[in-house]
Amino acid sequence: MSTKPALHTRAVLSAALSVLCGITFAQPGPPARPATQTFVIDGGTVHTVSGPAISNGRVRIEGERIVAVGGNEVSLAGAERIDASGKQVYPGLIAAHSVLGLTEIGAVRATVDVAEVGLNAANVRAEVAVNAESELIPVARANGVLLALTAPQASASSVITGTSALIELDGWTWEDLTLHAPVGLHVVWPIDETEPWLPAEVAEAAKKAVTEKLSGLRRAFEQARTYGAAAAASAIATPDLRLAAMQPALQRQQPVFMHAEDAQAIGQALDFAAEFKLRVVLVGGAEAWRLVDRLRAMDVPVILGGTHVLPLRRFDPVDVIYAQAAKLKTAGVRFAIATPGDGFDTSNLRNLPYQAASAVAYGLSFEDALRAITLSPAEILGVADRVGSIEAGKLATLVIADGDPLEARTHVERAWISGREVDLSSRHTRLYEKYRGR
């Protein structure tokens, strides 16, 4: 990753490589035009998320925003009527953890731009590296995922990975796609993952590397705190971009996204956050359910790294990951459901609603599951005033589908991002049409 849109060049290289290999990757249609029309979605079941569902509801949209939500009292005057009878209307889904736009083909290194080297890469900005031409964007969009948090990952040497961006899945450039950036600073908590069967010298080297990363992390935050005090006193002779980029986090203007999975790492990350008085969001949190009391007491929201993963411990119940969302809900911990968020997972962001569906099968209500992939991530990411629910005044980022949004057999029929109707075709649909008559 870099601080300029390098991946656009890499996308061109990827296309050239594809042609050389005899494979063609036709691009989807152009981004939608700016929203100017007035229309009313009429007759569907409107899942507002922020309130009860409205049967035979209406949603009036003018330009990019929703202006009225309700029943027959919502006027049709001067608007195009879109018949949604028998359909489900719900907010665009939000993938709260991904590297969408930063990776394309895992086997082609030139299209993978997810991480920087160096322990502290706080000045890295994810949004400027997003490839707006990515084939993975329309694939996710076709299943109702209309927004995604794109976050830098850790390289072998890094701990502070940079800042993330919430992107809309439609636009010509990274500037068009960016809805909100920077969202927050990301820290991947160092852990010792050495296997017991490794040679002693290898295990010792791995433990030493973790110790050095933890020391480096502490040193970076201490230096950033000192740098902030010096900056306030106008005593900075030579600016440091990394330490300057950490100031909004230290001043609690931005959250710090702590990536940690097991209970020990989560506990250590929370200790660190308390020491430096950081506003923290836990990402991953496979064992967050073990620390619910502390998470609630510190008001730390959790972005769960999906439900389609294995428990961390061999002796845990097989359903512990499926049931975790319901446990967090019962304990009063704020949470969103995401996906693992790595490069491999990015091609499967379209499966986000099914991650939530698995939580419903193990105790979470349908309403809470839908909230966990719409309004809850919007609240955690600081954009609930614009997206995440169907309410007057918010951006018209929503979906019409022919059934339950959490069921795999449901088809998304139409979708809008900020009032612009978007193309739902993708490489998948083009290949389907190509071979269906073979």
Protein backbone atom coordinates (compact mmCIF):
# COMPACT_ATOMS: atom_id res chain seq x y z
CA MET A 1 0.00 0.00 0.00
CA SER A 2 1.18 3.51 -0.60
CA THR A 3 -0.02 7.05 -0.01
CA LYS A 4 -0.99 7.42 -3.67
CA PRO A 5 -3.42 5.41 -5.83
CA ALA A 6 -0.82 2.90 -6.99
CA LEU A 7 -3.27 0.08 -7.52
CA HIS A 8 -4.79 1.78 -10.58
CA THR A 9 -1.51 1.11 -12.37
CA ARG A 10 -1.48 -2.40 -11.00
CA ALA A 11 -4.98 -3.02 -12.30
CA VAL A 12 -3.75 -2.14 -15.78
CA LEU A 13 -0.87 -4.57 -15.35
CA SER A 14 -3.28 -7.25 -14.18
CA ALA A 15 -5.41 -6.75 -17.27
CA ALA A 16 -2.34 -7.04 -19.48
CA LEU A 17 -1.28 -10.25 -17.77
CA SER A 18 -4.77 -11.64 -18.24
CA VAL A 19 -4.69 -10.97 -21.97
CA LEU A 20 -1.26 -12.57 -22.25
CA CYS A 21 -2.64 -15.64 -20.52
CA GLY A 22 -5.57 -15.81 -22.90
CA ILE A 23 -8.08 -14.78 -20.24
CA THR A 24 -10.32 -11.77 -20.66
CA PHE A 25 -11.91 -9.88 -17.77
CA ALA A 26 -14.70 -7.73 -19.16
CA GLN A 27 -15.47 -4.78 -16.95
CA PRO A 28 -19.00 -4.17 -15.66
CA GLY A 29 -21.03 -1.20 -16.83
CA PRO A 30 -20.02 2.37 -15.94
CA PRO A 31 -20.84 3.84 -12.52
CA ALA A 32 -24.29 5.31 -12.07
CA ARG A 33 -24.88 8.96 -12.86
CA PRO A 34 -25.42 11.48 -10.04
CA ALA A 35 -28.85 11.19 -8.43
CA THR A 36 -31.34 13.82 -9.57
CA GLN A 37 -34.67 12.03 -9.91
CA THR A 38 -37.56 11.73 -7.47
CA PHE A 39 -39.11 8.30 -6.97
CA VAL A 40 -41.16 6.34 -4.46
CA ILE A 41 -40.63 2.68 -3.65
CA ASP A 42 -44.18 1.55 -2.99
CA GLY A 43 -45.84 -1.59 -1.63
CA GLY A 44 -42.95 -3.56 -0.18
CA THR A 45 -42.13 -4.57 3.36
CA VAL A 46 -39.76 -1.81 4.47
CA HIS A 47 -37.17 -2.92 7.03
CA THR A 48 -36.23 0.45 8.48
CA VAL A 49 -33.90 -1.27 11.02
CA SER A 50 -34.10 1.77 13.29
CA GLY A 51 -37.77 0.98 13.92
CA PRO A 52 -40.37 -1.67 13.16
CA ALA A 53 -40.81 -3.05 9.66
CA ILE A 54 -43.60 -1.39 7.65
CA SER A 55 -45.86 -3.66 5.60
CA ASN A 56 -47.03 -2.13 2.30
CA GLY A 57 -44.69 0.74 3.03
CA ARG A 58 -43.43 3.64 0.99
CA VAL A 59 -40.01 5.26 0.74
CA ARG A 60 -39.82 8.61 -1.04
CA ILE A 61 -36.42 9.57 -2.43
CA GLU A 62 -35.45 12.93 -3.86
CA GLY A 63 -31.96 13.17 -5.32
CA GLU A 64 -29.55 11.34 -3.06
CA ARG A 65 -31.62 11.34 0.12
CA ILE A 66 -34.67 9.71 1.63
CA VAL A 67 -37.26 12.38 2.42
CA ALA A 68 -40.16 10.31 3.79
CA VAL A 69 -40.82 6.78 5.06
CA GLY A 70 -44.22 5.39 6.00
CA GLY A 71 -47.48 4.17 4.52
CA ASN A 72 -50.07 5.78 2.28
CA GLU A 73 -49.42 9.17 3.85
CA VAL A 74 -46.15 9.35 1.89
CA SER A 75 -46.93 11.33 -1.25
CA LEU A 76 -46.53 9.97 -4.77
CA ALA A 77 -46.85 13.45 -6.28
CA GLY A 78 -44.23 14.32 -8.85
CA ALA A 79 -42.41 11.04 -8.39
CA GLU A 80 -41.80 7.90 -10.39
CA ARG A 81 -43.53 4.98 -8.65
CA ILE A 82 -41.50 1.80 -8.28
CA ASP A 83 -43.75 -1.15 -7.52
CA ALA A 84 -42.26 -3.26 -4.74
CA SER A 85 -45.38 -5.27 -3.94
CA GLY A 86 -44.44 -8.57 -2.34
CA LYS A 87 -40.79 -7.51 -2.09
CA GLN A 88 -38.45 -6.73 0.80
CA VAL A 89 -36.83 -3.29 1.09
CA TYR A 90 -33.85 -2.91 3.41
CA PRO A 91 -30.75 -0.74 3.85
CA GLY A 92 -27.60 -1.51 1.91
CA LEU A 93 -25.48 -4.01 3.82
CA ILE A 94 -22.18 -2.83 5.32
CA ALA A 95 -19.11 -5.08 5.27
CA ALA A 96 -17.33 -3.74 8.35
CA HIS A 97 -14.00 -5.49 7.75
CA SER A 98 -12.38 -6.06 4.36
CA VAL A 99 -9.54 -5.27 1.99
CA LEU A 100 -11.93 -4.65 -0.90
CA GLY A 101 -10.23 -2.59 -3.59
CA LEU A 102 -6.76 -3.40 -2.26
CA THR A 103 -6.54 -6.91 -3.69
CA GLU A 104 -7.72 -8.57 -6.87
CA ILE A 105 -6.04 -11.87 -7.72
CA GLY A 106 -4.12 -13.45 -4.88
CA ALA A 107 -1.76 -15.30 -7.20
CA VAL A 108 -0.83 -12.10 -9.07
CA ARG A 109 1.35 -10.11 -6.69
CA ALA A 110 0.99 -6.91 -8.68
CA THR A 111 -2.71 -6.77 -7.80
CA VAL A 112 -2.22 -7.22 -4.04
CA ASP A 113 -1.64 -3.97 -2.16
CA VAL A 114 -2.94 -4.69 1.34
CA ALA A 115 0.00 -3.90 3.63
CA GLU A 116 3.11 -1.79 4.13
CA VAL A 117 6.42 -2.74 5.69
CA GLY A 118 7.70 -1.29 8.95
CA LEU A 119 6.28 -1.58 12.46
CA ASN A 120 4.54 1.80 12.34
CA ALA A 121 2.67 2.64 9.13
CA ALA A 122 0.14 4.99 10.75
CA ASN A 123 0.34 7.45 7.86
CA VAL A 124 -0.90 4.88 5.33
CA ARG A 125 -4.37 5.78 4.03
CA ALA A 126 -6.38 2.89 2.63
CA GLU A 127 -8.66 4.98 0.44
CA VAL A 128 -5.97 6.28 -1.92
CA ALA A 129 -4.96 2.74 -2.86
CA VAL A 130 -8.48 1.52 -3.65
CA ASN A 131 -8.92 0.24 -7.21
CA ALA A 132 -12.31 1.50 -8.35
CA GLU A 133 -12.19 -0.90 -11.31
CA SER A 134 -11.99 -4.02 -9.15
CA GLU A 135 -14.11 -6.92 -10.39
CA LEU A 136 -14.79 -7.85 -6.77
CA ILE A 137 -16.80 -4.68 -6.15
CA PRO A 138 -19.77 -5.54 -8.43
CA VAL A 139 -19.75 -9.13 -7.14
CA ALA A 140 -20.30 -7.92 -3.57
CA ARG A 141 -22.76 -5.25 -4.70
CA ALA A 142 -24.93 -7.77 -6.52
CA ASN A 143 -25.96 -9.35 -3.20
CA GLY A 144 -26.83 -6.10 -1.47
CA VAL A 145 -23.45 -5.25 0.07
CA LEU A 146 -23.28 -1.58 -0.85
CA LEU A 147 -20.70 -0.27 1.62
CA ALA A 148 -17.42 -1.70 2.88
CA LEU A 149 -14.75 -0.71 5.36
CA THR A 150 -11.43 -1.14 3.59
CA ALA A 151 -8.58 -1.48 6.07
CA PRO A 152 -4.83 -2.04 5.69
CA GLN A 153 -3.54 -5.39 6.92
CA ALA A 154 -0.34 -6.20 8.77
CA SER A 155 2.79 -7.31 6.98
CA ALA A 156 5.28 -9.61 8.68
CA SER A 157 6.92 -6.62 10.39
CA SER A 158 4.02 -4.25 11.03
CA VAL A 159 1.73 -3.70 13.99
CA ILE A 160 0.26 -0.23 13.36
CA THR A 161 -1.06 -0.68 9.83
CA GLY A 162 -2.65 2.68 8.94
CA THR A 163 -6.13 4.16 8.66
CA SER A 164 -9.23 2.65 7.06
CA ALA A 165 -11.91 4.09 4.80
CA LEU A 166 -15.60 3.38 4.36
CA ILE A 167 -16.29 3.13 0.65
CA GLU A 168 -19.47 3.08 -1.42
CA LEU A 169 -19.41 0.30 -3.99
CA ASP A 170 -19.96 2.53 -7.00
CA GLY A 171 -17.82 5.25 -8.52
CA TRP A 172 -15.23 6.18 -11.12
CA THR A 173 -12.33 6.91 -8.78
CA TRP A 174 -11.27 6.34 -5.18
CA GLU A 175 -12.48 9.85 -4.42
CA ASP A 176 -15.94 8.93 -5.74
CA LEU A 177 -16.02 5.75 -3.68
CA THR A 178 -14.93 7.24 -0.37
CA LEU A 179 -17.86 7.97 1.93
CA HIS A 180 -15.83 8.55 5.08
CA ALA A 181 -12.07 8.55 5.70
CA PRO A 182 -10.09 8.16 7.78
CA VAL A 183 -12.40 6.02 9.89
CA GLY A 184 -9.80 4.97 12.43
CA LEU A 185 -6.29 3.73 13.12
CA HIS A 186 -5.71 -0.02 12.92
CA VAL A 187 -3.45 -2.01 15.25
CA VAL A 188 -2.90 -5.76 14.83
CA TRP A 189 -2.05 -7.10 18.29
CA PRO A 190 1.13 -9.22 18.21
CA ILE A 191 0.64 -12.80 19.36
CA ASP A 192 2.80 -15.89 19.67
CA GLU A 193 1.39 -18.51 17.30
CA THR A 194 4.29 -20.98 17.38
CA GLU A 195 3.38 -24.64 17.21
CA PRO A 196 4.70 -26.93 19.96
CA TRP A 197 6.39 -29.22 17.46
CA LEU A 198 8.68 -26.51 16.08
CA PRO A 199 12.42 -26.66 16.90
CA ALA A 200 13.30 -24.79 20.08
CA GLU A 201 15.41 -22.18 18.28
CA VAL A 202 12.53 -21.37 15.87
CA ALA A 203 10.05 -21.03 18.72
CA GLU A 204 12.44 -18.82 20.64
CA ALA A 205 12.96 -16.55 17.64
CA ALA A 206 9.19 -16.23 17.17
CA LYS A 207 8.69 -15.30 20.82
CA LYS A 208 11.47 -12.73 20.57
CA ALA A 209 9.80 -11.19 17.48
CA VAL A 210 6.51 -10.84 19.38
CA THR A 211 8.29 -9.21 22.34
CA GLU A 212 10.00 -6.76 20.00
CA LYS A 213 6.71 -5.90 18.31
CA LEU A 214 5.01 -5.26 21.66
CA SER A 215 7.91 -3.05 22.74
CA GLY A 216 7.81 -1.23 19.43
CA LEU A 217 4.07 -0.68 19.70
CA ARG A 218 4.41 0.85 23.15
CA ARG A 219 7.34 2.98 22.03
CA ALA A 220 5.37 4.27 19.03
CA PHE A 221 2.44 5.40 21.18
CA GLU A 222 4.74 6.97 23.77
CA GLN A 223 6.59 8.82 21.03
CA ALA A 224 3.31 9.94 19.48
CA ARG A 225 2.13 11.26 22.86
CA THR A 226 5.36 13.23 23.28
CA TYR A 227 5.13 14.44 19.67
CA GLY A 228 1.57 15.70 20.30
CA ALA A 229 2.68 17.69 23.34
CA ALA A 230 5.56 19.20 21.36
CA ALA A 231 3.25 20.06 18.47
CA ALA A 232 0.85 21.80 20.86
CA ALA A 233 3.78 23.88 22.07
CA SER A 234 4.86 24.65 18.48
CA ALA A 235 8.16 22.91 19.18
CA ILE A 236 8.31 20.55 16.19
CA ALA A 237 11.32 21.26 13.99
CA THR A 238 10.92 18.31 11.60
CA PRO A 239 7.41 16.86 11.12
CA ASP A 240 6.98 13.09 11.44
CA LEU A 241 4.12 11.87 9.25
CA ARG A 242 3.63 8.63 11.21
CA LEU A 243 3.46 10.27 14.62
CA ALA A 244 1.29 13.09 13.27
CA ALA A 245 -1.16 10.53 11.84
CA MET A 246 -1.56 8.99 15.31
CA GLN A 247 -2.69 12.23 16.98
CA PRO A 248 -6.44 11.92 16.22
CA ALA A 249 -6.40 8.48 17.88
CA LEU A 250 -4.53 9.70 20.95
CA GLN A 251 -6.94 12.63 21.23
CA ARG A 252 -9.93 10.23 20.98
CA GLN A 253 -11.10 11.94 17.80
CA GLN A 254 -10.78 8.60 15.98
CA PRO A 255 -11.22 5.06 17.26
CA VAL A 256 -8.36 2.60 17.34
CA PHE A 257 -9.35 -0.70 15.76
CA MET A 258 -7.58 -3.39 17.77
CA HIS A 259 -7.38 -6.67 15.84
CA ALA A 260 -7.25 -9.52 18.35
CA GLU A 261 -8.84 -12.96 18.50
CA ASP A 262 -8.04 -14.96 21.63
CA ALA A 263 -8.91 -13.96 25.19
CA GLN A 264 -5.33 -13.26 26.23
CA ALA A 265 -4.65 -10.96 23.28
CA ILE A 266 -7.97 -9.17 23.76
CA GLY A 267 -7.21 -8.62 27.45
CA GLN A 268 -3.76 -7.24 26.66
CA ALA A 269 -5.18 -4.93 24.00
CA LEU A 270 -7.80 -3.61 26.43
CA ASP A 271 -5.09 -2.98 29.06
CA PHE A 272 -3.09 -1.05 26.49
CA ALA A 273 -6.14 0.98 25.44
CA ALA A 274 -6.93 1.87 29.04
CA GLU A 275 -3.35 2.96 29.70
CA PHE A 276 -3.28 5.30 26.69
CA LYS A 277 -6.96 6.32 27.09
CA LEU A 278 -7.87 5.20 23.58
CA ARG A 279 -11.35 4.86 22.10
CA VAL A 280 -11.25 1.24 21.01
CA VAL A 281 -13.13 -1.03 18.61
CA LEU A 282 -12.28 -4.73 18.84
CA VAL A 283 -11.99 -6.46 15.46
CA GLY A 284 -12.11 -10.23 15.05
CA GLY A 285 -12.83 -11.10 18.65
CA ALA A 286 -13.30 -14.85 18.27
CA GLU A 287 -13.19 -15.10 22.07
CA ALA A 288 -14.86 -11.80 22.90
CA TRP A 289 -17.59 -13.78 24.63
CA ARG A 290 -15.09 -14.68 27.36
CA LEU A 291 -14.63 -10.99 28.28
CA VAL A 292 -18.17 -9.62 27.91
CA ASP A 293 -18.22 -7.97 31.34
CA ARG A 294 -15.06 -6.02 30.65
CA LEU A 295 -16.11 -5.07 27.14
CA ARG A 296 -19.41 -3.76 28.43
CA ALA A 297 -17.77 -1.86 31.30
CA MET A 298 -15.33 -0.17 28.88
CA ASP A 299 -18.05 0.29 26.23
CA VAL A 300 -15.90 -1.39 23.58
CA PRO A 301 -17.88 -2.40 20.49
CA VAL A 302 -16.92 -5.57 18.64
CA ILE A 303 -16.74 -6.20 14.90
CA LEU A 304 -16.99 -9.97 14.81
CA GLY A 305 -14.84 -11.62 12.17
CA GLY A 306 -17.67 -13.75 10.82
CA THR A 307 -19.45 -16.87 12.02
CA HIS A 308 -18.10 -19.29 9.42
CA VAL A 309 -14.84 -19.93 11.25
CA LEU A 310 -13.67 -22.60 13.67
CA PRO A 311 -13.37 -22.11 17.43
CA LEU A 312 -9.85 -21.27 18.58
CA ARG A 313 -9.62 -24.08 21.13
CA ARG A 314 -10.10 -27.76 20.44
CA PHE A 315 -12.14 -28.23 23.62
CA ASP A 316 -14.63 -25.42 22.85
CA PRO A 317 -18.19 -26.35 21.81
CA VAL A 318 -18.47 -26.59 18.03
CA ASP A 319 -21.20 -23.91 18.02
CA VAL A 320 -19.34 -21.35 20.14
CA ILE A 321 -18.67 -19.03 17.18
CA TYR A 322 -22.25 -19.28 15.89
CA ALA A 323 -23.65 -18.45 19.35
CA GLN A 324 -21.27 -15.60 20.14
CA ALA A 325 -23.41 -12.81 18.69
CA ALA A 326 -26.37 -13.81 20.84
CA LYS A 327 -24.10 -13.89 23.92
CA LEU A 328 -22.83 -10.38 23.20
CA LYS A 329 -26.38 -9.16 22.71
CA THR A 330 -27.51 -10.68 26.01
CA ALA A 331 -24.52 -9.17 27.79
CA GLY A 332 -25.21 -5.68 26.42
CA VAL A 333 -22.07 -5.44 24.30
CA ARG A 334 -22.44 -3.49 21.06
CA PHE A 335 -21.42 -5.51 18.03
CA ALA A 336 -21.50 -5.86 14.26
CA ILE A 337 -21.10 -9.02 12.20
CA ALA A 338 -18.48 -8.92 9.47
CA THR A 339 -16.29 -11.49 7.71
CA PRO A 340 -12.66 -12.50 8.38
CA GLY A 341 -11.57 -9.59 6.20
CA ASP A 342 -8.50 -11.10 4.58
CA GLY A 343 -7.63 -11.21 0.88
CA PHE A 344 -9.21 -14.60 0.29
CA ASP A 345 -12.39 -13.53 2.05
CA THR A 346 -12.76 -10.35 0.00
CA SER A 347 -13.96 -12.31 -3.03
CA ASN A 348 -16.73 -13.67 -0.79
CA LEU A 349 -18.02 -10.45 0.73
CA ARG A 350 -21.32 -11.18 -1.01
CA ASN A 351 -21.84 -13.87 1.65
CA LEU A 352 -22.07 -11.30 4.47
CA PRO A 353 -25.83 -11.83 5.05
CA TYR A 354 -25.27 -15.55 5.53
CA GLN A 355 -22.74 -14.87 8.28
CA ALA A 356 -25.55 -13.07 10.08
CA ALA A 357 -28.02 -15.84 9.26
CA SER A 358 -25.85 -18.40 11.04
CA ALA A 359 -26.06 -16.28 14.18
CA VAL A 360 -29.87 -16.32 13.90
CA ALA A 361 -29.79 -20.13 13.88
CA TYR A 362 -28.04 -19.96 17.26
CA GLY A 363 -30.11 -17.52 19.26
CA LEU A 364 -29.87 -14.07 17.67
CA SER A 365 -33.15 -12.56 16.47
CA PHE A 366 -33.68 -11.75 12.79
CA GLU A 367 -34.02 -8.05 13.64
CA ASP A 368 -30.75 -7.99 15.57
CA ALA A 369 -28.95 -9.94 12.84
CA LEU A 370 -30.07 -7.50 10.14
CA ARG A 371 -29.04 -4.63 12.41
CA ALA A 372 -25.62 -6.24 12.87
CA ILE A 373 -24.86 -5.82 9.15
CA THR A 374 -26.52 -2.43 8.64
CA LEU A 375 -27.12 0.09 11.42
CA SER A 376 -24.76 -1.36 14.04
CA PRO A 377 -21.66 -1.13 11.81
CA ALA A 378 -22.77 2.34 10.74
CA GLU A 379 -22.85 3.38 14.41
CA ILE A 380 -19.48 1.81 15.17
CA LEU A 381 -17.88 3.42 12.10
CA GLY A 382 -19.34 6.85 12.86
CA VAL A 383 -21.67 7.19 9.86
CA ALA A 384 -25.06 6.33 11.35
CA ASP A 385 -26.28 9.84 10.52
CA ARG A 386 -25.94 8.99 6.81
CA VAL A 387 -26.42 5.25 6.28
CA GLY A 388 -27.43 2.02 7.98
CA SER A 389 -31.19 2.45 8.18
CA ILE A 390 -34.11 3.68 6.12
CA GLU A 391 -34.97 7.04 7.64
CA ALA A 392 -35.83 10.50 6.36
CA GLY A 393 -32.70 12.58 5.91
CA LYS A 394 -30.33 9.67 5.30
CA LEU A 395 -28.68 8.74 2.03
CA ALA A 396 -30.83 6.56 -0.20
CA THR A 397 -28.56 3.52 -0.02
CA LEU A 398 -30.98 0.62 -0.10
CA VAL A 399 -32.06 -2.61 -1.76
CA ILE A 400 -35.17 -4.29 -3.15
CA ALA A 401 -35.09 -8.10 -2.95
CA ASP A 402 -37.57 -10.88 -3.60
CA GLY A 403 -37.26 -12.44 -0.15
CA ASP A 404 -35.61 -12.59 3.26
CA PRO A 405 -32.27 -10.74 3.00
CA LEU A 406 -30.55 -13.39 5.14
CA GLU A 407 -31.57 -16.35 2.96
CA ALA A 408 -29.30 -17.67 0.21
CA ARG A 409 -32.19 -18.20 -2.22
CA THR A 410 -33.10 -14.49 -2.13
CA HIS A 411 -32.27 -12.41 -5.19
CA VAL A 412 -31.45 -8.72 -5.04
CA GLU A 413 -33.48 -7.14 -7.83
CA ARG A 414 -32.58 -3.45 -7.60
CA ALA A 415 -30.22 -1.34 -5.52
CA TRP A 416 -29.38 2.32 -5.03
CA ILE A 417 -26.30 4.01 -3.58
CA SER A 418 -26.88 7.61 -2.51
CA GLY A 419 -29.94 7.70 -4.74
CA ARG A 420 -28.11 6.35 -7.81
CA GLU A 421 -29.44 3.07 -9.14
CA VAL A 422 -26.48 0.75 -9.60
CA ASP A 423 -25.77 -2.01 -12.09
CA LEU A 424 -26.18 -5.45 -10.50
CA SER A 425 -24.33 -7.36 -13.18
CA SER A 426 -20.92 -8.79 -12.38
CA ARG A 427 -18.34 -11.17 -13.72
CA HIS A 428 -20.41 -13.96 -12.16
CA THR A 429 -23.59 -13.01 -13.99
CA ARG A 430 -21.74 -12.49 -17.26
CA LEU A 431 -20.21 -15.96 -17.04
CA TYR A 432 -23.62 -17.40 -16.18
CA GLU A 433 -25.16 -15.82 -19.27
CA LYS A 434 -22.23 -16.92 -21.39
CA TYR A 435 -22.45 -20.59 -20.49
CA ARG A 436 -26.11 -21.12 -19.74
CA GLY A 437 -26.84 -21.99 -23.37
CA ARG A 438 -23.80 -24.06 -24.03
